[in-house]
PDB file of N, CA and C in Angstrom:
ATOM      1  N   UNK A   1     -43.739 -41.106 -58.260  1.00  0.00           N
ATOM      2  CA  UNK A   1     -44.354 -42.223 -58.950  1.00  0.00           C
ATOM      3  C   UNK A   1     -44.001 -43.514 -58.215  1.00  0.00           C
ATOM      4  N   UNK A   2     -44.985 -44.333 -57.994  1.00  0.00           N
ATOM      5  CA  UNK A   2     -44.811 -45.605 -57.308  1.00  0.00           C
ATOM      6  C   UNK A   2     -44.689 -46.732 -58.327  1.00  0.00           C
ATOM      7  N   UNK A   3     -43.634 -47.554 -58.203  1.00  0.00           N
ATOM      8  CA  UNK A   3     -43.433 -48.703 -59.080  1.00  0.00           C
ATOM      9  C   UNK A   3     -43.080 -49.901 -58.209  1.00  0.00           C
ATOM     10  N   UNK A   4     -43.785 -51.003 -58.430  1.00  0.00           N
ATOM     11  CA  UNK A   4     -43.498 -52.242 -57.711  1.00  0.00           C
ATOM     12  C   UNK A   4     -43.308 -53.357 -58.729  1.00  0.00           C
ATOM     13  N   UNK A   5     -42.252 -54.143 -58.534  1.00  0.00           N
ATOM     14  CA  UNK A   5     -41.976 -55.283 -59.393  1.00  0.00           C
ATOM     15  C   UNK A   5     -42.215 -56.541 -58.566  1.00  0.00           C
ATOM     16  N   UNK A   6     -43.203 -57.322 -58.980  1.00  0.00           N
ATOM     17  CA  UNK A   6     -43.518 -58.580 -58.313  1.00  0.00           C
ATOM     18  C   UNK A   6     -42.748 -59.680 -59.025  1.00  0.00           C
ATOM     19  N   UNK A   7     -41.934 -60.427 -58.270  1.00  0.00           N
ATOM     20  CA  UNK A   7     -41.014 -61.390 -58.855  1.00  0.00           C
ATOM     21  C   UNK A   7     -41.149 -62.754 -58.200  1.00  0.00           C
ATOM     22  N   UNK A   8     -40.379 -63.687 -58.747  1.00  0.00           N
ATOM     23  CA  UNK A   8     -40.181 -64.988 -58.104  1.00  0.00           C
ATOM     24  C   UNK A   8     -38.728 -65.375 -58.293  1.00  0.00           C
ATOM     25  N   UNK A   9     -38.286 -66.329 -57.526  1.00  0.00           N
ATOM     26  CA  UNK A   9     -36.882 -66.762 -57.584  1.00  0.00           C
ATOM     27  C   UNK A   9     -36.569 -67.419 -58.924  1.00  0.00           C
ATOM     28  N   UNK A  10     -35.319 -67.302 -59.342  1.00  0.00           N
ATOM     29  CA  UNK A  10     -34.822 -67.949 -60.555  1.00  0.00           C
ATOM     30  C   UNK A  10     -35.626 -67.536 -61.789  1.00  0.00           C
ATOM     31  N   UNK A  11     -35.883 -66.250 -61.908  1.00  0.00           N
ATOM     32  CA  UNK A  11     -36.686 -65.712 -63.013  1.00  0.00           C
ATOM     33  C   UNK A  11     -35.823 -64.752 -63.838  1.00  0.00           C
ATOM     34  N   UNK A  12     -35.298 -65.215 -64.980  1.00  0.00           N
ATOM     35  CA  UNK A  12     -34.449 -64.347 -65.802  1.00  0.00           C
ATOM     36  C   UNK A  12     -35.162 -63.073 -66.266  1.00  0.00           C
ATOM     37  N   UNK A  13     -36.442 -63.166 -66.595  1.00  0.00           N
ATOM     38  CA  UNK A  13     -37.187 -61.974 -67.018  1.00  0.00           C
ATOM     39  C   UNK A  13     -37.320 -60.981 -65.870  1.00  0.00           C
ATOM     40  N   UNK A  14     -37.473 -61.486 -64.650  1.00  0.00           N
ATOM     41  CA  UNK A  14     -37.550 -60.612 -63.472  1.00  0.00           C
ATOM     42  C   UNK A  14     -36.234 -59.866 -63.295  1.00  0.00           C
ATOM     43  N   UNK A  15     -35.140 -60.613 -63.380  1.00  0.00           N
ATOM     44  CA  UNK A  15     -33.820 -59.996 -63.211  1.00  0.00           C
ATOM     45  C   UNK A  15     -33.551 -58.966 -64.299  1.00  0.00           C
ATOM     46  N   UNK A  16     -33.910 -59.281 -65.543  1.00  0.00           N
ATOM     47  CA  UNK A  16     -33.701 -58.345 -66.653  1.00  0.00           C
ATOM     48  C   UNK A  16     -34.533 -57.082 -66.468  1.00  0.00           C
ATOM     49  N   UNK A  17     -35.750 -57.238 -65.991  1.00  0.00           N
ATOM     50  CA  UNK A  17     -36.620 -56.082 -65.764  1.00  0.00           C
ATOM     51  C   UNK A  17     -36.037 -55.179 -64.684  1.00  0.00           C
ATOM     52  N   UNK A  18     -35.601 -55.768 -63.585  1.00  0.00           N
ATOM     53  CA  UNK A  18     -35.028 -54.977 -62.491  1.00  0.00           C
ATOM     54  C   UNK A  18     -33.755 -54.257 -62.935  1.00  0.00           C
ATOM     55  N   UNK A  19     -32.902 -54.957 -63.701  1.00  0.00           N
ATOM     56  CA  UNK A  19     -31.677 -54.325 -64.210  1.00  0.00           C
ATOM     57  C   UNK A  19     -32.003 -53.138 -65.126  1.00  0.00           C
ATOM     58  N   UNK A  20     -32.961 -53.323 -66.026  1.00  0.00           N
ATOM     59  CA  UNK A  20     -33.313 -52.269 -66.985  1.00  0.00           C
ATOM     60  C   UNK A  20     -33.936 -51.071 -66.267  1.00  0.00           C
ATOM     61  N   UNK A  21     -34.822 -51.319 -65.318  1.00  0.00           N
ATOM     62  CA  UNK A  21     -35.421 -50.220 -64.554  1.00  0.00           C
ATOM     63  C   UNK A  21     -34.336 -49.427 -63.826  1.00  0.00           C
ATOM     64  N   UNK A  22     -33.416 -50.133 -63.182  1.00  0.00           N
ATOM     65  CA  UNK A  22     -32.338 -49.462 -62.445  1.00  0.00           C
ATOM     66  C   UNK A  22     -31.459 -48.664 -63.401  1.00  0.00           C
ATOM     67  N   UNK A  23     -31.125 -49.262 -64.548  1.00  0.00           N
ATOM     68  CA  UNK A  23     -30.283 -48.585 -65.531  1.00  0.00           C
ATOM     69  C   UNK A  23     -30.937 -47.303 -66.042  1.00  0.00           C
ATOM     70  N   UNK A  24     -32.264 -47.317 -66.142  1.00  0.00           N
ATOM     71  CA  UNK A  24     -32.987 -46.160 -66.662  1.00  0.00           C
ATOM     72  C   UNK A  24     -33.356 -45.171 -65.561  1.00  0.00           C
ATOM     73  N   UNK A  25     -32.911 -45.465 -64.326  1.00  0.00           N
ATOM     74  CA  UNK A  25     -33.106 -44.526 -63.233  1.00  0.00           C
ATOM     75  C   UNK A  25     -34.484 -44.521 -62.600  1.00  0.00           C
ATOM     76  N   UNK A  26     -35.220 -45.620 -62.768  1.00  0.00           N
ATOM     77  CA  UNK A  26     -36.562 -45.713 -62.181  1.00  0.00           C
ATOM     78  C   UNK A  26     -36.445 -46.351 -60.797  1.00  0.00           C
ATOM     79  N   UNK A  27     -36.930 -45.660 -59.771  1.00  0.00           N
ATOM     80  CA  UNK A  27     -36.974 -46.227 -58.424  1.00  0.00           C
ATOM     81  C   UNK A  27     -38.133 -47.213 -58.348  1.00  0.00           C
ATOM     82  N   UNK A  28     -37.890 -48.355 -57.703  1.00  0.00           N
ATOM     83  CA  UNK A  28     -38.940 -49.357 -57.606  1.00  0.00           C
ATOM     84  C   UNK A  28     -38.757 -50.196 -56.354  1.00  0.00           C
ATOM     85  N   UNK A  29     -39.856 -50.789 -55.917  1.00  0.00           N
ATOM     86  CA  UNK A  29     -39.849 -51.748 -54.824  1.00  0.00           C
ATOM     87  C   UNK A  29     -39.975 -53.139 -55.424  1.00  0.00           C
ATOM     88  N   UNK A  30     -39.483 -54.141 -54.716  1.00  0.00           N
ATOM     89  CA  UNK A  30     -39.555 -55.524 -55.168  1.00  0.00           C
ATOM     90  C   UNK A  30     -40.337 -56.338 -54.146  1.00  0.00           C
ATOM     91  N   UNK A  31     -41.278 -57.139 -54.637  1.00  0.00           N
ATOM     92  CA  UNK A  31     -42.047 -58.038 -53.782  1.00  0.00           C
ATOM     93  C   UNK A  31     -41.889 -59.449 -54.334  1.00  0.00           C
ATOM     94  N   UNK A  32     -41.463 -60.371 -53.480  1.00  0.00           N
ATOM     95  CA  UNK A  32     -41.294 -61.773 -53.860  1.00  0.00           C
ATOM     96  C   UNK A  32     -42.652 -62.471 -53.735  1.00  0.00           C
ATOM     97  N   UNK A  33     -43.191 -62.903 -54.869  1.00  0.00           N
ATOM     98  CA  UNK A  33     -44.511 -63.528 -54.856  1.00  0.00           C
ATOM     99  C   UNK A  33     -44.533 -64.886 -54.169  1.00  0.00           C
ATOM    100  N   UNK A  34     -43.386 -65.507 -53.984  1.00  0.00           N
ATOM    101  CA  UNK A  34     -43.382 -66.807 -53.319  1.00  0.00           C
ATOM    102  C   UNK A  34     -43.760 -66.688 -51.852  1.00  0.00           C
ATOM    103  N   UNK A  35     -43.760 -65.476 -51.330  1.00  0.00           N
ATOM    104  CA  UNK A  35     -44.123 -65.275 -49.931  1.00  0.00           C
ATOM    105  C   UNK A  35     -45.531 -64.700 -49.775  1.00  0.00           C
ATOM    106  N   UNK A  36     -46.259 -64.526 -50.882  1.00  0.00           N
ATOM    107  CA  UNK A  36     -47.577 -63.885 -50.814  1.00  0.00           C
ATOM    108  C   UNK A  36     -48.555 -64.568 -51.758  1.00  0.00           C
ATOM    109  N   UNK A  37     -49.069 -65.715 -51.337  1.00  0.00           N
ATOM    110  CA  UNK A  37     -49.983 -66.487 -52.186  1.00  0.00           C
ATOM    111  C   UNK A  37     -51.299 -65.755 -52.458  1.00  0.00           C
ATOM    112  N   UNK A  38     -51.715 -64.909 -51.537  1.00  0.00           N
ATOM    113  CA  UNK A  38     -52.934 -64.127 -51.760  1.00  0.00           C
ATOM    114  C   UNK A  38     -52.754 -63.191 -52.953  1.00  0.00           C
ATOM    115  N   UNK A  39     -51.592 -62.562 -53.050  1.00  0.00           N
ATOM    116  CA  UNK A  39     -51.290 -61.670 -54.168  1.00  0.00           C
ATOM    117  C   UNK A  39     -51.206 -62.471 -55.467  1.00  0.00           C
ATOM    118  N   UNK A  40     -50.640 -63.666 -55.407  1.00  0.00           N
ATOM    119  CA  UNK A  40     -50.565 -64.532 -56.591  1.00  0.00           C
ATOM    120  C   UNK A  40     -51.972 -64.811 -57.108  1.00  0.00           C
ATOM    121  N   UNK A  41     -52.868 -65.169 -56.199  1.00  0.00           N
ATOM    122  CA  UNK A  41     -54.245 -65.463 -56.606  1.00  0.00           C
ATOM    123  C   UNK A  41     -54.934 -64.235 -57.198  1.00  0.00           C
ATOM    124  N   UNK A  42     -54.663 -63.072 -56.627  1.00  0.00           N
ATOM    125  CA  UNK A  42     -55.211 -61.819 -57.150  1.00  0.00           C
ATOM    126  C   UNK A  42     -54.735 -61.580 -58.583  1.00  0.00           C
ATOM    127  N   UNK A  43     -53.441 -61.736 -58.828  1.00  0.00           N
ATOM    128  CA  UNK A  43     -52.907 -61.533 -60.173  1.00  0.00           C
ATOM    129  C   UNK A  43     -53.458 -62.568 -61.153  1.00  0.00           C
ATOM    130  N   UNK A  44     -53.565 -63.821 -60.725  1.00  0.00           N
ATOM    131  CA  UNK A  44     -54.128 -64.850 -61.596  1.00  0.00           C
ATOM    132  C   UNK A  44     -55.573 -64.513 -61.970  1.00  0.00           C
ATOM    133  N   UNK A  45     -56.335 -64.033 -61.009  1.00  0.00           N
ATOM    134  CA  UNK A  45     -57.723 -63.655 -61.266  1.00  0.00           C
ATOM    135  C   UNK A  45     -57.820 -62.495 -62.260  1.00  0.00           C
ATOM    136  N   UNK A  46     -56.785 -61.660 -62.285  1.00  0.00           N
ATOM    137  CA  UNK A  46     -56.758 -60.519 -63.206  1.00  0.00           C
ATOM    138  C   UNK A  46     -56.140 -60.880 -64.557  1.00  0.00           C
ATOM    139  N   UNK A  47     -55.761 -62.152 -64.730  1.00  0.00           N
ATOM    140  CA  UNK A  47     -55.263 -62.621 -66.017  1.00  0.00           C
ATOM    141  C   UNK A  47     -53.756 -62.625 -66.185  1.00  0.00           C
ATOM    142  N   UNK A  48     -53.006 -62.311 -65.141  1.00  0.00           N
ATOM    143  CA  UNK A  48     -51.552 -62.320 -65.228  1.00  0.00           C
ATOM    144  C   UNK A  48     -51.042 -63.724 -64.922  1.00  0.00           C
ATOM    145  N   UNK A  49     -50.259 -64.278 -65.846  1.00  0.00           N
ATOM    146  CA  UNK A  49     -49.796 -65.652 -65.679  1.00  0.00           C
ATOM    147  C   UNK A  49     -48.285 -65.793 -65.703  1.00  0.00           C
ATOM    148  N   UNK A  50     -47.555 -64.680 -65.845  1.00  0.00           N
ATOM    149  CA  UNK A  50     -46.096 -64.760 -65.845  1.00  0.00           C
ATOM    150  C   UNK A  50     -45.504 -63.628 -65.028  1.00  0.00           C
ATOM    151  N   UNK A  51     -44.283 -63.840 -64.572  1.00  0.00           N
ATOM    152  CA  UNK A  51     -43.566 -62.805 -63.846  1.00  0.00           C
ATOM    153  C   UNK A  51     -42.458 -62.279 -64.734  1.00  0.00           C
ATOM    154  N   UNK A  52     -41.974 -61.105 -64.465  1.00  0.00           N
ATOM    155  CA  UNK A  52     -42.402 -60.200 -63.410  1.00  0.00           C
ATOM    156  C   UNK A  52     -43.726 -59.539 -63.757  1.00  0.00           C
ATOM    157  N   UNK A  53     -44.368 -59.038 -62.729  1.00  0.00           N
ATOM    158  CA  UNK A  53     -45.544 -58.187 -62.900  1.00  0.00           C
ATOM    159  C   UNK A  53     -45.146 -56.817 -62.376  1.00  0.00           C
ATOM    160  N   UNK A  54     -45.203 -55.838 -63.248  1.00  0.00           N
ATOM    161  CA  UNK A  54     -44.801 -54.483 -62.898  1.00  0.00           C
ATOM    162  C   UNK A  54     -46.055 -53.639 -62.726  1.00  0.00           C
ATOM    163  N   UNK A  55     -46.173 -53.012 -61.564  1.00  0.00           N
ATOM    164  CA  UNK A  55     -47.334 -52.181 -61.253  1.00  0.00           C
ATOM    165  C   UNK A  55     -46.843 -50.757 -60.993  1.00  0.00           C
ATOM    166  N   UNK A  56     -47.375 -49.817 -61.770  1.00  0.00           N
ATOM    167  CA  UNK A  56     -47.051 -48.405 -61.552  1.00  0.00           C
ATOM    168  C   UNK A  56     -48.351 -47.636 -61.388  1.00  0.00           C
ATOM    169  N   UNK A  57     -48.225 -46.343 -61.177  1.00  0.00           N
ATOM    170  CA  UNK A  57     -49.416 -45.504 -61.050  1.00  0.00           C
ATOM    171  C   UNK A  57     -50.238 -45.509 -62.331  1.00  0.00           C
ATOM    172  N   UNK A  58     -49.571 -45.691 -63.476  1.00  0.00           N
ATOM    173  CA  UNK A  58     -50.225 -45.579 -64.781  1.00  0.00           C
ATOM    174  C   UNK A  58     -50.556 -46.910 -65.432  1.00  0.00           C
ATOM    175  N   UNK A  59     -49.708 -47.930 -65.259  1.00  0.00           N
ATOM    176  CA  UNK A  59     -49.844 -49.190 -65.997  1.00  0.00           C
ATOM    177  C   UNK A  59     -49.524 -50.389 -65.128  1.00  0.00           C
ATOM    178  N   UNK A  60     -49.995 -51.540 -65.611  1.00  0.00           N
ATOM    179  CA  UNK A  60     -49.606 -52.829 -65.043  1.00  0.00           C
ATOM    180  C   UNK A  60     -49.363 -53.768 -66.212  1.00  0.00           C
ATOM    181  N   UNK A  61     -48.224 -54.481 -66.172  1.00  0.00           N
ATOM    182  CA  UNK A  61     -47.947 -55.449 -67.228  1.00  0.00           C
ATOM    183  C   UNK A  61     -47.123 -56.586 -66.652  1.00  0.00           C
ATOM    184  N   UNK A  62     -47.018 -57.661 -67.442  1.00  0.00           N
ATOM    185  CA  UNK A  62     -46.193 -58.794 -67.017  1.00  0.00           C
ATOM    186  C   UNK A  62     -45.191 -59.134 -68.103  1.00  0.00           C
ATOM    187  N   UNK A  63     -44.124 -59.808 -67.669  1.00  0.00           N
ATOM    188  CA  UNK A  63     -43.063 -60.190 -68.584  1.00  0.00           C
ATOM    189  C   UNK A  63     -42.038 -59.077 -68.745  1.00  0.00           C
ATOM    190  N   UNK A  64     -40.973 -59.397 -69.460  1.00  0.00           N
ATOM    191  CA  UNK A  64     -39.923 -58.422 -69.735  1.00  0.00           C
ATOM    192  C   UNK A  64     -40.370 -57.579 -70.916  1.00  0.00           C
ATOM    193  N   UNK A  65     -40.658 -56.307 -70.659  1.00  0.00           N
ATOM    194  CA  UNK A  65     -41.198 -55.401 -71.674  1.00  0.00           C
ATOM    195  C   UNK A  65     -40.341 -54.144 -71.775  1.00  0.00           C
ATOM    196  N   UNK A  66     -39.247 -54.183 -72.561  1.00  0.00           N
ATOM    197  CA  UNK A  66     -38.400 -52.999 -72.696  1.00  0.00           C
ATOM    198  C   UNK A  66     -39.170 -51.764 -73.152  1.00  0.00           C
ATOM    199  N   UNK A  67     -40.178 -51.952 -73.995  1.00  0.00           N
ATOM    200  CA  UNK A  67     -40.977 -50.816 -74.464  1.00  0.00           C
ATOM    201  C   UNK A  67     -41.729 -50.150 -73.313  1.00  0.00           C
ATOM    202  N   UNK A  68     -42.284 -50.951 -72.435  1.00  0.00           N
ATOM    203  CA  UNK A  68     -43.026 -50.410 -71.290  1.00  0.00           C
ATOM    204  C   UNK A  68     -42.073 -49.810 -70.253  1.00  0.00           C
ATOM    205  N   UNK A  69     -40.907 -50.409 -70.103  1.00  0.00           N
ATOM    206  CA  UNK A  69     -39.908 -49.874 -69.171  1.00  0.00           C
ATOM    207  C   UNK A  69     -39.458 -48.494 -69.650  1.00  0.00           C
ATOM    208  N   UNK A  70     -39.232 -48.354 -70.957  1.00  0.00           N
ATOM    209  CA  UNK A  70     -38.834 -47.059 -71.519  1.00  0.00           C
ATOM    210  C   UNK A  70     -39.922 -46.016 -71.271  1.00  0.00           C
ATOM    211  N   UNK A  71     -41.164 -46.404 -71.515  1.00  0.00           N
ATOM    212  CA  UNK A  71     -42.291 -45.490 -71.284  1.00  0.00           C
ATOM    213  C   UNK A  71     -42.367 -45.091 -69.810  1.00  0.00           C
ATOM    214  N   UNK A  72     -42.166 -46.040 -68.925  1.00  0.00           N
ATOM    215  CA  UNK A  72     -42.192 -45.775 -67.491  1.00  0.00           C
ATOM    216  C   UNK A  72     -41.062 -44.823 -67.095  1.00  0.00           C
ATOM    217  N   UNK A  73     -39.872 -45.031 -67.675  1.00  0.00           N
ATOM    218  CA  UNK A  73     -38.738 -44.150 -67.383  1.00  0.00           C
ATOM    219  C   UNK A  73     -39.033 -42.731 -67.846  1.00  0.00           C
ATOM    220  N   UNK A  74     -39.661 -42.584 -69.010  1.00  0.00           N
ATOM    221  CA  UNK A  74     -40.014 -41.263 -69.521  1.00  0.00           C
ATOM    222  C   UNK A  74     -41.032 -40.575 -68.604  1.00  0.00           C
ATOM    223  N   UNK A  75     -41.999 -41.339 -68.110  1.00  0.00           N
ATOM    224  CA  UNK A  75     -42.998 -40.797 -67.181  1.00  0.00           C
ATOM    225  C   UNK A  75     -42.335 -40.380 -65.874  1.00  0.00           C
ATOM    226  N   UNK A  76     -41.388 -41.196 -65.416  1.00  0.00           N
ATOM    227  CA  UNK A  76     -40.696 -40.905 -64.166  1.00  0.00           C
ATOM    228  C   UNK A  76     -39.910 -39.607 -64.275  1.00  0.00           C
ATOM    229  N   UNK A  77     -39.244 -39.396 -65.405  1.00  0.00           N
ATOM    230  CA  UNK A  77     -38.485 -38.165 -65.623  1.00  0.00           C
ATOM    231  C   UNK A  77     -39.422 -36.966 -65.641  1.00  0.00           C
ATOM    232  N   UNK A  78     -40.570 -37.124 -66.319  1.00  0.00           N
ATOM    233  CA  UNK A  78     -41.541 -36.020 -66.403  1.00  0.00           C
ATOM    234  C   UNK A  78     -42.097 -35.656 -65.032  1.00  0.00           C
ATOM    235  N   UNK A  79     -42.346 -36.667 -64.199  1.00  0.00           N
ATOM    236  CA  UNK A  79     -42.890 -36.438 -62.861  1.00  0.00           C
ATOM    237  C   UNK A  79     -41.858 -35.739 -61.980  1.00  0.00           C
ATOM    238  N   UNK A  80     -40.594 -36.130 -62.134  1.00  0.00           N
ATOM    239  CA  UNK A  80     -39.522 -35.575 -61.295  1.00  0.00           C
ATOM    240  C   UNK A  80     -38.974 -34.259 -61.803  1.00  0.00           C
ATOM    241  N   UNK A  81     -39.405 -33.830 -62.984  1.00  0.00           N
ATOM    242  CA  UNK A  81     -38.888 -32.586 -63.557  1.00  0.00           C
ATOM    243  C   UNK A  81     -39.520 -31.363 -62.918  1.00  0.00           C
TER     244      UNK A  81
END
């Protein structure tokens, strides 16, 4: 399962999301949006206005979402089982 967390500097919700994903054993990549304005414009066009933006094979969401992180961790366990 592929998971990418799009972040920006000094973002408490980004840090909390990354900590929770790691704690739940979900492997993920991190992309700093401050270095990719094209990606920022793409997300804005899709209606995302806050970070982090978490993109997985199944879902995409923004903000700190413990409920979605839990669901993602459950999917990750099922895929790896």
